[in-house]
Structures are given as structure tokens and as C-alpha cells.
Amino acid sequence: MAGAGISTPSGIPDFRSPGSGLYSNLKQYNLPYPEAIFELTFFFQNPKPFFTLAKELYPGNFKPNMTHYFLRLLHDKGLLLRLYTQNIDGLERVSGIPASKLVEAHGTFASATCTVCLRACPGEDFWVEPFASLSEYVRHSVPRVLINQAVVGTFAWQPRGRDVVQLGDVVHGVEKLVTLLGWTEEMQDLMRREREKHPLHQDSTIDSLIKPSSSES
């Protein structure tokens, strides 16, 4: 049976430690009492505190520590029959313990249920949603361009035939696109005009982009 204490070494506060506990930090949310942040009746009145807290605890912000991996080792050795946890941080899953061995008594980010239609969905469906899914709503005949450090979203797991992916620094990715479109001179003129209007807003990135490259000189 695991409680909040196993996640404090990972940087997640427990609930009741004076000064540093979660309940102490919840004062900033102007709650009638600390436990209200987890109650549906209060959530329906004011969901912002819960979503703010959920964003802080969301999987990916913290990593498992030795305790989590010890429990995983017990599983690997066939010694873990069941793990009951009060935690919602999901670090047991991240450490590699399968869902079939977990009883997440207070909930989990691995799934969610709509409070209106009661439809359940897996956690990956609502991560950064609904903004993250906007790119899926364009027709399949419309080309989509992703400029990013890594392939993400449906560009990774459900790519389309007309998708274009440019990996790397976003400024250089845009610069390459501008070059392919034949708009380099127009872009340089635009940035030069704007820089002259706002001389205090100059920076090295803009300077490097508006100077002709060696191949153009």
C-alpha cells in the first residue's frame, strides 16, 4: 500500500506536512477547506483550482524514484501480487508496473470521464486537449506543416500523405520554408522596415535573418 510519501523524493508534496504539504499550498486557491479541490460539488462551481493543480501533477513533470523502481523490481521478480496506491501522479505506471497490478484508489490520469455525458476516454485523448487536436479537423486534402524539435501528435502516430515535417529550431525551420516559397527578399524587406520602426526591438536573431547569406552576396 503506497501513499504520498513515496513521491515526495520525486518533488511532489505530500498532503499534510506543515508548510510544504499540498494542503498548505492550496491556500492560494481560496478554497473553503483543502479537501474541496477534490470534491465534485466544488468542482462544478469552480473547476479552475483542480485544473491548476492537475496541470502541476500531470505525468511528465516528475520522474519515479528508487521506491517506485523497487516496487517495479518486485513485479519483475514475480513478487508483487497487487499495488494499492493513494497517489494520482501516475509514477507507478511510469516506472513500468502494469495497470493489471495497480489499484489507483483515488483516481488516475490514465483515463477520464466527461462530467456531462459520462463518456470515458483514455488519458492520451485529453492531454493538451482540445487545442492539440485542432490540426486533425482540416480536410485530408489540406497539407499540414509541422515545424518543431520532434514529431508530435498525429504527425507521429497517424500521419497523412500530405503532411510535411521540418525538424529543428523553429526560426530556421521558418527560414527554410520562406526560402522554398521564394519569399526571402520580401521577408528581409519586411523585417528591415519593422526594425527601422522599432529600433529598440532589435535582436541578434533578426539581424542574422535580414543580412544576406554568403550564397546571396
Foldseek 3Di string as FASTA:
>chain_A
DEEPVQCVVQVQADADDPPGHPQVVLVVVVDPHSCLLLDPVSCVVPVVSVVVVCVCLEPPNTEGDPVLLVQVVCVVVVNQQADEYCDASCNNVVSPDDPVRYDHPSDYLQKDADPPPRDIDGNVVDVVPDVLCPVVPDDLVDEAEAEEQDQDDCCPVPNGPRYHYHHDDRVVVVVVVCVVVVNLQVVLVVLVVVCVVPVVPDDPVNVVSNDDDPVVD
